């Protein structure tokens, strides 16, 4: 049994698509994915998780919009301060007690073209946020290839993973990481546009 991230119903695994690149099931059930595919792209702009994340940023005084609101960032989930590109990965705990964050085929092939990755553990009563640099070693396997999925906690199959309790604890609710990334990007821009 697996819980769909859209309808929130517990369903048999046969009700989910199997991802060929990871051999794990999709987070949304087949019926929700089919329903979403019928919705015109302009109406699909924001997922529920992205809307909640933007509201959380606003409550912390961080201006943010959905990435698709910016023509130059159509692949980005959320943009903070008009410049910080954020990829959001949300996972409820599955029946085996794992969180799993999956990446798209494009992200696996080309990497994460963002400034911050937000891994979100979704519990029934609250969410736990982890902010991670997209260049972190946790997004590559031991051979240097991009991973298709992150699993936590570790199991025998993924014991070689760089995603550890220490990594997650170090980055838990570190909202300041977004501010620091904003300052770093602004400094980089100043260096580029300041004449010497």
N, C-alpha and C. Protein backbone atom coordinates (compact mmCIF):
# COMPACT_ATOMS: atom_id res chain seq x y z
N UNK A 1 0.85 -1.19 0.00
CA UNK A 1 0.00 0.00 0.00
C UNK A 1 0.89 1.25 0.00
N UNK A 2 0.40 2.27 -0.70
CA UNK A 2 1.15 3.51 -0.85
C UNK A 2 0.15 4.65 -0.85
N UNK A 3 0.55 5.79 -0.30
CA UNK A 3 -0.33 6.95 -0.22
C UNK A 3 -0.02 7.92 -1.36
N UNK A 4 -1.06 8.32 -2.08
CA UNK A 4 -0.92 9.28 -3.18
C UNK A 4 -0.74 10.68 -2.62
N UNK A 5 0.19 11.45 -3.20
CA UNK A 5 0.44 12.80 -2.69
C UNK A 5 -0.67 13.78 -3.07
N UNK A 6 -1.50 13.44 -4.07
CA UNK A 6 -2.57 14.35 -4.48
C UNK A 6 -3.89 14.05 -3.77
N UNK A 7 -4.39 12.84 -3.93
CA UNK A 7 -5.69 12.51 -3.32
C UNK A 7 -5.57 12.07 -1.87
N UNK A 8 -4.33 11.79 -1.43
CA UNK A 8 -4.03 11.40 -0.04
C UNK A 8 -4.66 10.07 0.36
N UNK A 9 -5.05 9.24 -0.62
CA UNK A 9 -5.67 7.94 -0.34
C UNK A 9 -4.61 6.85 -0.37
N UNK A 10 -4.76 5.87 0.52
CA UNK A 10 -3.90 4.69 0.52
C UNK A 10 -4.40 3.77 -0.60
N UNK A 11 -3.48 3.41 -1.50
CA UNK A 11 -3.86 2.56 -2.63
C UNK A 11 -2.82 1.47 -2.82
N UNK A 12 -3.24 0.40 -3.50
CA UNK A 12 -2.32 -0.68 -3.83
C UNK A 12 -1.25 -0.16 -4.79
N UNK A 13 -0.04 -0.72 -4.71
CA UNK A 13 1.06 -0.26 -5.57
C UNK A 13 0.74 -0.39 -7.06
N UNK A 14 -0.15 -1.30 -7.41
CA UNK A 14 -0.54 -1.45 -8.82
C UNK A 14 -1.28 -0.21 -9.33
N UNK A 15 -1.74 0.65 -8.43
CA UNK A 15 -2.42 1.89 -8.79
C UNK A 15 -1.45 3.03 -9.08
N UNK A 16 -0.14 2.74 -9.03
CA UNK A 16 0.90 3.74 -9.27
C UNK A 16 1.76 3.28 -10.43
N UNK A 17 2.31 4.24 -11.19
CA UNK A 17 3.24 3.90 -12.27
C UNK A 17 4.60 3.58 -11.68
N UNK A 18 5.30 2.67 -12.32
CA UNK A 18 6.67 2.32 -11.91
C UNK A 18 7.64 3.16 -12.73
N UNK A 19 8.52 3.89 -12.05
CA UNK A 19 9.51 4.72 -12.75
C UNK A 19 10.59 3.80 -13.34
N UNK A 20 10.79 3.83 -14.65
CA UNK A 20 11.77 2.92 -15.25
C UNK A 20 13.21 3.22 -14.85
N UNK A 21 13.51 4.49 -14.58
CA UNK A 21 14.90 4.84 -14.26
C UNK A 21 15.29 4.51 -12.82
N UNK A 22 14.32 4.33 -11.93
CA UNK A 22 14.63 4.07 -10.52
C UNK A 22 14.04 2.77 -10.00
N UNK A 23 13.05 2.25 -10.70
CA UNK A 23 12.31 1.06 -10.27
C UNK A 23 11.54 1.31 -8.98
N UNK A 24 11.17 2.57 -8.74
CA UNK A 24 10.29 2.94 -7.64
C UNK A 24 9.00 3.48 -8.23
N UNK A 25 7.95 3.49 -7.42
CA UNK A 25 6.67 3.96 -7.90
C UNK A 25 6.57 5.48 -7.83
N UNK A 26 5.74 6.04 -8.71
CA UNK A 26 5.53 7.49 -8.71
C UNK A 26 4.83 7.89 -7.41
N UNK A 27 4.95 9.18 -7.06
CA UNK A 27 4.35 9.68 -5.83
C UNK A 27 2.84 9.87 -5.98
N UNK A 28 2.39 10.11 -7.20
CA UNK A 28 0.96 10.29 -7.47
C UNK A 28 0.40 9.01 -8.11
N UNK A 29 -0.84 8.69 -7.78
CA UNK A 29 -1.46 7.50 -8.34
C UNK A 29 -1.81 7.72 -9.82
N UNK A 30 -2.10 6.64 -10.52
CA UNK A 30 -2.40 6.71 -11.95
C UNK A 30 -3.61 7.60 -12.23
N UNK A 31 -4.67 7.46 -11.42
CA UNK A 31 -5.88 8.26 -11.69
C UNK A 31 -5.62 9.75 -11.48
N UNK A 32 -4.85 10.12 -10.46
CA UNK A 32 -4.54 11.54 -10.25
C UNK A 32 -3.63 12.07 -11.35
N UNK A 33 -2.68 11.25 -11.80
CA UNK A 33 -1.80 11.69 -12.89
C UNK A 33 -2.59 11.87 -14.18
N UNK A 34 -3.54 10.97 -14.44
CA UNK A 34 -4.37 11.11 -15.65
C UNK A 34 -5.23 12.36 -15.57
N UNK A 35 -5.79 12.61 -14.39
CA UNK A 35 -6.63 13.79 -14.18
C UNK A 35 -5.81 15.07 -14.35
N UNK A 36 -4.60 15.06 -13.82
CA UNK A 36 -3.73 16.24 -13.93
C UNK A 36 -3.33 16.48 -15.39
N UNK A 37 -3.13 15.41 -16.15
CA UNK A 37 -2.74 15.57 -17.55
C UNK A 37 -3.86 16.19 -18.38
N UNK A 38 -5.12 16.07 -17.93
CA UNK A 38 -6.25 16.67 -18.63
C UNK A 38 -6.34 18.17 -18.39
N UNK A 39 -5.74 18.63 -17.30
CA UNK A 39 -5.78 20.04 -16.96
C UNK A 39 -4.85 20.81 -17.88
N UNK A 40 -5.34 21.90 -18.47
CA UNK A 40 -4.45 22.71 -19.33
C UNK A 40 -3.21 23.16 -18.56
N UNK A 41 -2.08 23.23 -19.27
CA UNK A 41 -0.79 23.57 -18.64
C UNK A 41 -0.86 24.87 -17.86
N UNK A 42 -1.58 25.88 -18.35
CA UNK A 42 -1.65 27.16 -17.65
C UNK A 42 -2.31 27.01 -16.29
N UNK A 43 -3.21 26.03 -16.13
CA UNK A 43 -3.87 25.82 -14.85
C UNK A 43 -3.05 24.92 -13.93
N UNK A 44 -2.03 24.25 -14.46
CA UNK A 44 -1.19 23.36 -13.66
C UNK A 44 -0.03 24.10 -13.01
N UNK A 45 -0.01 25.42 -13.15
CA UNK A 45 1.17 26.19 -12.79
C UNK A 45 1.70 25.88 -11.40
N UNK A 46 0.85 25.81 -10.40
CA UNK A 46 1.36 25.60 -9.05
C UNK A 46 0.81 24.31 -8.44
N UNK A 47 1.71 23.52 -7.88
CA UNK A 47 1.26 22.36 -7.14
C UNK A 47 0.91 22.82 -5.73
N UNK A 48 0.15 22.01 -5.03
CA UNK A 48 -0.26 22.35 -3.67
C UNK A 48 0.97 22.57 -2.77
N UNK A 49 1.98 21.69 -2.91
CA UNK A 49 3.19 21.81 -2.09
C UNK A 49 3.95 23.09 -2.37
N UNK A 50 3.98 23.52 -3.63
CA UNK A 50 4.67 24.76 -3.98
C UNK A 50 3.94 25.97 -3.42
N UNK A 51 2.60 25.94 -3.46
CA UNK A 51 1.81 27.04 -2.90
C UNK A 51 2.06 27.13 -1.40
N UNK A 52 2.04 25.99 -0.71
CA UNK A 52 2.30 25.99 0.74
C UNK A 52 3.69 26.50 1.05
N UNK A 53 4.67 26.11 0.24
CA UNK A 53 6.05 26.53 0.46
C UNK A 53 6.18 28.04 0.27
N UNK A 54 5.53 28.59 -0.75
CA UNK A 54 5.56 30.03 -0.98
C UNK A 54 4.92 30.77 0.19
N UNK A 55 3.81 30.25 0.71
CA UNK A 55 3.18 30.86 1.89
C UNK A 55 4.11 30.82 3.10
N UNK A 56 4.82 29.72 3.26
CA UNK A 56 5.78 29.60 4.37
C UNK A 56 6.90 30.63 4.21
N UNK A 57 7.41 30.79 3.00
CA UNK A 57 8.43 31.81 2.75
C UNK A 57 7.90 33.20 3.08
N UNK A 58 6.68 33.52 2.63
CA UNK A 58 6.09 34.83 2.90
C UNK A 58 5.93 35.06 4.40
N UNK A 59 5.54 34.02 5.14
CA UNK A 59 5.37 34.17 6.59
C UNK A 59 6.70 34.46 7.28
N UNK A 60 7.80 34.12 6.63
CA UNK A 60 9.13 34.36 7.18
C UNK A 60 9.76 35.63 6.59
N UNK A 61 8.96 36.40 5.86
CA UNK A 61 9.43 37.66 5.31
C UNK A 61 10.27 37.52 4.05
N UNK A 62 10.20 36.37 3.41
CA UNK A 62 10.98 36.14 2.18
C UNK A 62 10.03 36.25 0.99
N UNK A 63 10.25 37.25 0.11
CA UNK A 63 9.39 37.36 -1.07
C UNK A 63 9.65 36.20 -2.03
N UNK A 64 8.58 35.62 -2.54
CA UNK A 64 8.73 34.47 -3.43
C UNK A 64 7.54 34.36 -4.37
N UNK A 65 7.82 33.80 -5.54
CA UNK A 65 6.80 33.51 -6.53
C UNK A 65 7.06 32.13 -7.11
N UNK A 66 6.05 31.62 -7.77
CA UNK A 66 6.23 30.35 -8.47
C UNK A 66 7.18 30.58 -9.63
N UNK A 67 8.09 29.64 -9.86
CA UNK A 67 9.09 29.79 -10.91
C UNK A 67 8.51 29.96 -12.29
N UNK A 68 7.35 29.36 -12.55
CA UNK A 68 6.75 29.45 -13.87
C UNK A 68 6.15 30.84 -14.12
N UNK A 69 6.08 31.67 -13.07
CA UNK A 69 5.66 33.06 -13.25
C UNK A 69 6.76 33.87 -13.94
N UNK A 70 7.99 33.36 -13.92
CA UNK A 70 9.12 34.00 -14.57
C UNK A 70 9.35 33.26 -15.89
N UNK A 71 9.28 33.93 -16.99
CA UNK A 71 9.48 33.27 -18.28
C UNK A 71 10.86 32.65 -18.40
N UNK A 72 11.83 33.23 -17.72
CA UNK A 72 13.20 32.72 -17.86
C UNK A 72 13.46 31.50 -16.98
N UNK A 73 12.53 31.17 -16.06
CA UNK A 73 12.72 30.01 -15.17
C UNK A 73 11.55 29.03 -15.28
N UNK A 74 11.18 28.54 -16.45
CA UNK A 74 9.99 27.69 -16.54
C UNK A 74 10.14 26.34 -15.84
N UNK A 75 11.35 25.90 -15.55
CA UNK A 75 11.59 24.60 -14.92
C UNK A 75 11.68 24.71 -13.39
N UNK A 76 11.69 25.91 -12.85
CA UNK A 76 11.93 26.12 -11.42
C UNK A 76 10.61 26.10 -10.65
N UNK A 77 10.63 25.47 -9.48
CA UNK A 77 9.43 25.40 -8.64
C UNK A 77 9.10 26.75 -8.01
N UNK A 78 10.10 27.34 -7.32
CA UNK A 78 9.88 28.60 -6.60
C UNK A 78 11.11 29.49 -6.79
N UNK A 79 10.86 30.81 -6.91
CA UNK A 79 11.95 31.78 -6.97
C UNK A 79 11.78 32.74 -5.80
N UNK A 80 12.79 32.81 -4.93
CA UNK A 80 12.78 33.73 -3.79
C UNK A 80 13.63 34.95 -4.13
N UNK A 81 13.21 36.10 -3.66
CA UNK A 81 13.93 37.37 -3.89
C UNK A 81 14.13 37.67 -5.38
N UNK A 82 13.38 37.02 -6.25
CA UNK A 82 13.50 37.27 -7.68
C UNK A 82 14.74 36.68 -8.32
N UNK A 83 15.56 35.96 -7.54
CA UNK A 83 16.82 35.45 -8.08
C UNK A 83 17.19 34.05 -7.58
N UNK A 84 16.74 33.67 -6.38
CA UNK A 84 17.13 32.38 -5.79
C UNK A 84 16.17 31.29 -6.29
N UNK A 85 16.69 30.41 -7.13
CA UNK A 85 15.88 29.33 -7.71
C UNK A 85 15.86 28.15 -6.74
N UNK A 86 14.64 27.68 -6.40
CA UNK A 86 14.48 26.62 -5.41
C UNK A 86 13.72 25.44 -6.00
N UNK A 87 14.30 24.26 -5.89
CA UNK A 87 13.65 23.00 -6.27
C UNK A 87 13.02 22.41 -5.02
N UNK A 88 11.75 22.05 -5.10
CA UNK A 88 11.05 21.50 -3.94
C UNK A 88 10.78 20.02 -4.18
N UNK A 89 11.19 19.20 -3.22
CA UNK A 89 10.93 17.76 -3.25
C UNK A 89 10.24 17.41 -1.94
N UNK A 90 9.00 16.96 -2.03
CA UNK A 90 8.21 16.62 -0.85
C UNK A 90 7.93 15.13 -0.84
N UNK A 91 8.01 14.52 0.36
CA UNK A 91 7.70 13.10 0.47
C UNK A 91 7.01 12.81 1.79
N UNK A 92 5.85 12.13 1.71
CA UNK A 92 5.28 11.59 2.94
C UNK A 92 6.06 10.32 3.31
N UNK A 93 6.00 9.93 4.58
CA UNK A 93 6.65 8.68 4.98
C UNK A 93 5.84 7.51 4.42
N UNK A 94 6.52 6.56 3.76
CA UNK A 94 5.79 5.43 3.21
C UNK A 94 5.57 4.36 4.28
N UNK A 95 4.90 3.28 3.92
CA UNK A 95 4.55 2.23 4.89
C UNK A 95 5.77 1.54 5.50
N UNK A 96 6.89 1.56 4.79
CA UNK A 96 8.11 0.94 5.30
C UNK A 96 8.91 1.90 6.18
N UNK A 97 8.42 3.12 6.37
CA UNK A 97 9.09 4.09 7.22
C UNK A 97 10.15 4.90 6.50
N UNK A 98 10.08 4.99 5.16
CA UNK A 98 11.06 5.73 4.37
C UNK A 98 10.45 7.00 3.79
N UNK A 99 11.30 7.96 3.56
CA UNK A 99 10.97 9.12 2.74
C UNK A 99 11.69 8.90 1.41
N UNK A 100 11.04 9.22 0.31
CA UNK A 100 11.70 9.06 -0.99
C UNK A 100 11.42 10.30 -1.83
N UNK A 101 12.49 10.91 -2.29
CA UNK A 101 12.40 12.10 -3.12
C UNK A 101 12.91 11.74 -4.51
N UNK A 102 12.04 11.81 -5.51
CA UNK A 102 12.40 11.40 -6.87
C UNK A 102 12.75 12.60 -7.74
N UNK A 103 13.60 12.36 -8.73
CA UNK A 103 14.01 13.40 -9.67
C UNK A 103 13.51 13.06 -11.06
N UNK A 104 13.29 14.09 -11.85
CA UNK A 104 12.80 13.88 -13.22
C UNK A 104 13.94 13.36 -14.10
N UNK A 105 13.61 12.75 -15.23
CA UNK A 105 14.67 12.31 -16.15
C UNK A 105 15.60 13.46 -16.58
N UNK A 106 15.05 14.65 -16.77
CA UNK A 106 15.89 15.80 -17.14
C UNK A 106 16.84 16.16 -16.00
N UNK A 107 16.36 16.13 -14.76
CA UNK A 107 17.22 16.44 -13.61
C UNK A 107 18.32 15.39 -13.46
N UNK A 108 18.00 14.15 -13.75
CA UNK A 108 19.00 13.08 -13.67
C UNK A 108 20.06 13.28 -14.76
N UNK A 109 19.60 13.63 -15.95
CA UNK A 109 20.52 13.77 -17.08
C UNK A 109 21.37 15.05 -16.99
N UNK A 110 20.72 16.19 -16.68
CA UNK A 110 21.40 17.48 -16.73
C UNK A 110 21.79 18.03 -15.36
N UNK A 111 21.30 17.42 -14.29
CA UNK A 111 21.58 17.94 -12.96
C UNK A 111 20.51 18.93 -12.51
N UNK A 112 20.65 19.40 -11.29
CA UNK A 112 19.69 20.34 -10.73
C UNK A 112 20.13 21.76 -11.05
N UNK A 113 19.40 22.42 -11.91
CA UNK A 113 19.75 23.77 -12.35
C UNK A 113 19.05 24.79 -11.45
N UNK A 114 19.36 24.74 -10.16
CA UNK A 114 18.77 25.63 -9.16
C UNK A 114 19.86 26.05 -8.18
N UNK A 115 19.48 26.90 -7.23
CA UNK A 115 20.42 27.39 -6.21
C UNK A 115 20.23 26.70 -4.86
N UNK A 116 19.02 26.22 -4.60
CA UNK A 116 18.69 25.57 -3.33
C UNK A 116 17.74 24.40 -3.62
N UNK A 117 17.95 23.30 -2.91
CA UNK A 117 17.01 22.18 -2.96
C UNK A 117 16.36 22.06 -1.59
N UNK A 118 15.03 22.07 -1.56
CA UNK A 118 14.28 21.89 -0.32
C UNK A 118 13.73 20.47 -0.29
N UNK A 119 14.29 19.64 0.59
CA UNK A 119 13.75 18.29 0.81
C UNK A 119 12.78 18.40 1.98
N UNK A 120 11.54 18.00 1.76
CA UNK A 120 10.50 18.17 2.77
C UNK A 120 9.97 16.81 3.20
N UNK A 121 10.09 16.55 4.51
CA UNK A 121 9.49 15.35 5.11
C UNK A 121 8.08 15.74 5.52
N UNK A 122 7.09 15.03 4.98
CA UNK A 122 5.70 15.37 5.26
C UNK A 122 5.10 14.36 6.24
N UNK A 123 4.72 14.86 7.41
CA UNK A 123 4.04 14.06 8.43
C UNK A 123 2.58 14.49 8.44
N UNK A 124 1.73 13.74 9.12
CA UNK A 124 0.30 14.09 9.13
C UNK A 124 0.05 15.42 9.83
N UNK A 125 0.88 15.77 10.81
CA UNK A 125 0.63 16.99 11.58
C UNK A 125 1.56 18.16 11.24
N UNK A 126 2.66 17.89 10.57
CA UNK A 126 3.63 18.96 10.29
C UNK A 126 4.59 18.55 9.17
N UNK A 127 5.43 19.50 8.80
CA UNK A 127 6.46 19.25 7.79
C UNK A 127 7.82 19.63 8.36
N UNK A 128 8.84 18.92 7.91
CA UNK A 128 10.21 19.22 8.30
C UNK A 128 10.96 19.58 7.02
N UNK A 129 11.61 20.74 7.03
CA UNK A 129 12.30 21.26 5.85
C UNK A 129 13.81 21.10 5.99
N UNK A 130 14.44 20.66 4.91
CA UNK A 130 15.90 20.54 4.84
C UNK A 130 16.34 21.31 3.60
N UNK A 131 17.27 22.25 3.76
CA UNK A 131 17.75 23.06 2.63
C UNK A 131 19.17 22.66 2.29
N UNK A 132 19.36 22.23 1.05
CA UNK A 132 20.63 21.62 0.65
C UNK A 132 21.14 22.27 -0.63
N UNK A 133 22.45 22.44 -0.69
CA UNK A 133 23.11 22.95 -1.89
C UNK A 133 22.96 21.91 -3.00
N UNK A 134 22.50 22.30 -4.20
CA UNK A 134 22.30 21.33 -5.28
C UNK A 134 23.60 20.67 -5.75
N UNK A 135 24.73 21.25 -5.39
CA UNK A 135 26.02 20.66 -5.77
C UNK A 135 26.51 19.64 -4.73
N UNK A 136 25.71 19.41 -3.70
CA UNK A 136 26.07 18.48 -2.64
C UNK A 136 26.26 17.06 -3.19
N UNK A 137 27.15 16.33 -2.55
CA UNK A 137 27.44 14.95 -2.97
C UNK A 137 26.26 14.01 -2.75
N UNK A 138 25.26 14.42 -1.99
CA UNK A 138 24.12 13.52 -1.76
C UNK A 138 23.30 13.28 -3.02
N UNK A 139 23.47 14.14 -4.04
CA UNK A 139 22.70 14.00 -5.27
C UNK A 139 23.40 13.16 -6.32
N UNK A 140 24.57 12.62 -6.00
CA UNK A 140 25.28 11.75 -6.93
C UNK A 140 25.56 10.41 -6.25
N UNK A 141 25.66 9.36 -7.05
CA UNK A 141 25.97 8.05 -6.49
C UNK A 141 27.48 7.88 -6.36
N UNK A 142 27.92 6.74 -5.91
CA UNK A 142 29.36 6.54 -5.67
C UNK A 142 30.19 6.54 -6.96
N UNK A 143 29.54 6.46 -8.11
CA UNK A 143 30.25 6.50 -9.40
C UNK A 143 30.22 7.90 -10.01
N UNK A 144 29.61 8.85 -9.31
CA UNK A 144 29.56 10.23 -9.79
C UNK A 144 28.38 10.55 -10.69
N UNK A 145 27.47 9.60 -10.87
CA UNK A 145 26.27 9.83 -11.69
C UNK A 145 25.17 10.45 -10.84
N UNK A 146 24.27 11.21 -11.49
CA UNK A 146 23.13 11.80 -10.78
C UNK A 146 22.18 10.70 -10.35
N UNK A 147 21.65 10.83 -9.15
CA UNK A 147 20.70 9.85 -8.62
C UNK A 147 19.30 10.12 -9.16
N UNK A 148 18.51 9.06 -9.27
CA UNK A 148 17.12 9.18 -9.67
C UNK A 148 16.21 9.39 -8.49
N UNK A 149 16.71 9.03 -7.29
CA UNK A 149 15.89 9.13 -6.10
C UNK A 149 16.76 9.15 -4.86
N UNK A 150 16.30 9.85 -3.84
CA UNK A 150 16.93 9.82 -2.52
C UNK A 150 16.00 9.09 -1.58
N UNK A 151 16.56 8.20 -0.77
CA UNK A 151 15.78 7.48 0.23
C UNK A 151 16.34 7.80 1.61
N UNK A 152 15.44 7.94 2.58
CA UNK A 152 15.86 8.16 3.95
C UNK A 152 14.81 7.55 4.86
N UNK A 153 15.17 6.86 5.94
CA UNK A 153 16.53 6.55 6.40
C UNK A 153 17.19 5.49 5.54
N UNK A 154 18.44 5.24 5.82
CA UNK A 154 19.23 4.32 5.02
C UNK A 154 18.77 2.88 5.21
N UNK A 155 18.88 2.10 4.16
CA UNK A 155 18.60 0.67 4.21
C UNK A 155 19.82 -0.06 3.70
N UNK A 156 19.77 -1.37 3.67
CA UNK A 156 20.89 -2.16 3.14
C UNK A 156 21.17 -1.78 1.68
N UNK A 157 20.09 -1.55 0.90
CA UNK A 157 20.25 -1.26 -0.52
C UNK A 157 20.90 0.09 -0.78
N UNK A 158 20.65 1.07 0.10
CA UNK A 158 21.20 2.41 -0.15
C UNK A 158 22.17 2.83 0.95
N UNK A 159 22.81 1.87 1.57
CA UNK A 159 23.73 2.16 2.68
C UNK A 159 24.92 3.00 2.24
N UNK A 160 25.24 2.98 0.95
CA UNK A 160 26.36 3.77 0.43
C UNK A 160 25.98 5.24 0.21
N UNK A 161 24.71 5.59 0.43
CA UNK A 161 24.23 6.94 0.17
C UNK A 161 24.91 7.97 1.06
N UNK A 162 25.06 9.18 0.52
CA UNK A 162 25.63 10.29 1.29
C UNK A 162 24.56 10.95 2.15
N UNK A 163 23.28 10.58 1.96
CA UNK A 163 22.19 11.19 2.70
C UNK A 163 22.12 10.54 4.08
N UNK A 164 22.65 11.23 5.07
CA UNK A 164 22.71 10.69 6.42
C UNK A 164 21.92 11.58 7.38
N UNK A 165 21.70 11.08 8.57
CA UNK A 165 21.02 11.87 9.60
C UNK A 165 21.79 13.16 9.86
N UNK A 166 23.13 13.06 9.87
CA UNK A 166 23.96 14.25 10.09
C UNK A 166 23.72 15.30 9.01
N UNK A 167 23.66 14.85 7.74
CA UNK A 167 23.43 15.78 6.63
C UNK A 167 22.08 16.47 6.78
N UNK A 168 21.05 15.68 7.09
CA UNK A 168 19.71 16.27 7.23
C UNK A 168 19.62 17.17 8.45
N UNK A 169 20.17 16.75 9.59
CA UNK A 169 20.10 17.57 10.80
C UNK A 169 20.84 18.90 10.62
N UNK A 170 21.96 18.86 9.91
CA UNK A 170 22.75 20.06 9.69
C UNK A 170 21.96 21.08 8.88
N UNK A 171 21.02 20.60 8.07
CA UNK A 171 20.27 21.48 7.17
C UNK A 171 18.80 21.63 7.54
N UNK A 172 18.41 21.16 8.71
CA UNK A 172 17.00 21.19 9.11
C UNK A 172 16.56 22.62 9.43
N UNK A 173 15.44 23.01 8.85
CA UNK A 173 14.84 24.33 9.08
C UNK A 173 15.86 25.47 8.98
N UNK A 174 16.82 25.31 8.10
CA UNK A 174 17.86 26.32 7.90
C UNK A 174 17.40 27.34 6.86
N UNK A 175 16.35 28.10 7.22
CA UNK A 175 15.78 29.08 6.30
C UNK A 175 16.80 30.16 5.94
N UNK A 176 17.77 30.37 6.80
CA UNK A 176 18.83 31.35 6.55
C UNK A 176 19.64 30.99 5.30
N UNK A 177 19.65 29.71 4.94
CA UNK A 177 20.39 29.27 3.75
C UNK A 177 19.88 30.00 2.50
N UNK A 178 18.56 30.28 2.46
CA UNK A 178 17.99 31.00 1.33
C UNK A 178 18.51 32.44 1.32
N UNK A 179 18.56 33.08 2.50
CA UNK A 179 19.10 34.45 2.60
C UNK A 179 20.57 34.49 2.21
N UNK A 180 21.34 33.53 2.70
CA UNK A 180 22.77 33.49 2.38
C UNK A 180 23.00 33.27 0.89
N UNK A 181 22.17 32.42 0.29
CA UNK A 181 22.28 32.18 -1.15
C UNK A 181 21.95 33.46 -1.93
N UNK A 182 20.93 34.19 -1.47
CA UNK A 182 20.57 35.46 -2.09
C UNK A 182 21.74 36.44 -2.03
N UNK A 183 22.36 36.57 -0.87
CA UNK A 183 23.51 37.48 -0.71
C UNK A 183 24.68 37.06 -1.61
N UNK A 184 24.93 35.75 -1.68
CA UNK A 184 26.02 35.25 -2.53
C UNK A 184 25.76 35.57 -4.00
N UNK A 185 24.52 35.34 -4.45
CA UNK A 185 24.18 35.63 -5.85
C UNK A 185 24.28 37.12 -6.16
N UNK A 186 23.84 37.96 -5.22
CA UNK A 186 23.95 39.42 -5.41
C UNK A 186 25.42 39.84 -5.49
N UNK A 187 26.25 39.29 -4.63
CA UNK A 187 27.69 39.60 -4.68
C UNK A 187 28.30 39.16 -6.00
N UNK A 188 27.90 37.99 -6.49
CA UNK A 188 28.40 37.50 -7.78
C UNK A 188 27.99 38.45 -8.91
N UNK A 189 26.75 38.94 -8.86
CA UNK A 189 26.28 39.89 -9.88
C UNK A 189 27.05 41.21 -9.81
N UNK A 190 27.30 41.69 -8.59
CA UNK A 190 28.05 42.94 -8.43
C UNK A 190 29.44 42.81 -9.04
N UNK A 191 30.08 41.67 -8.82
CA UNK A 191 31.41 41.46 -9.38
C UNK A 191 31.39 41.47 -10.90
N UNK A 192 30.32 40.93 -11.47
CA UNK A 192 30.22 40.84 -12.93
C UNK A 192 29.94 42.21 -13.54
N UNK A 193 29.07 43.01 -12.91
CA UNK A 193 28.65 44.27 -13.53
C UNK A 193 29.45 45.48 -13.08
N UNK A 194 30.28 45.34 -12.05
CA UNK A 194 31.08 46.47 -11.59
C UNK A 194 32.31 46.64 -12.49
N UNK A 195 32.46 47.82 -13.10
CA UNK A 195 33.64 48.03 -13.95
C UNK A 195 34.90 48.09 -13.11
N UNK A 196 36.00 47.64 -13.69
CA UNK A 196 37.28 47.65 -12.95
C UNK A 196 38.15 48.77 -13.41
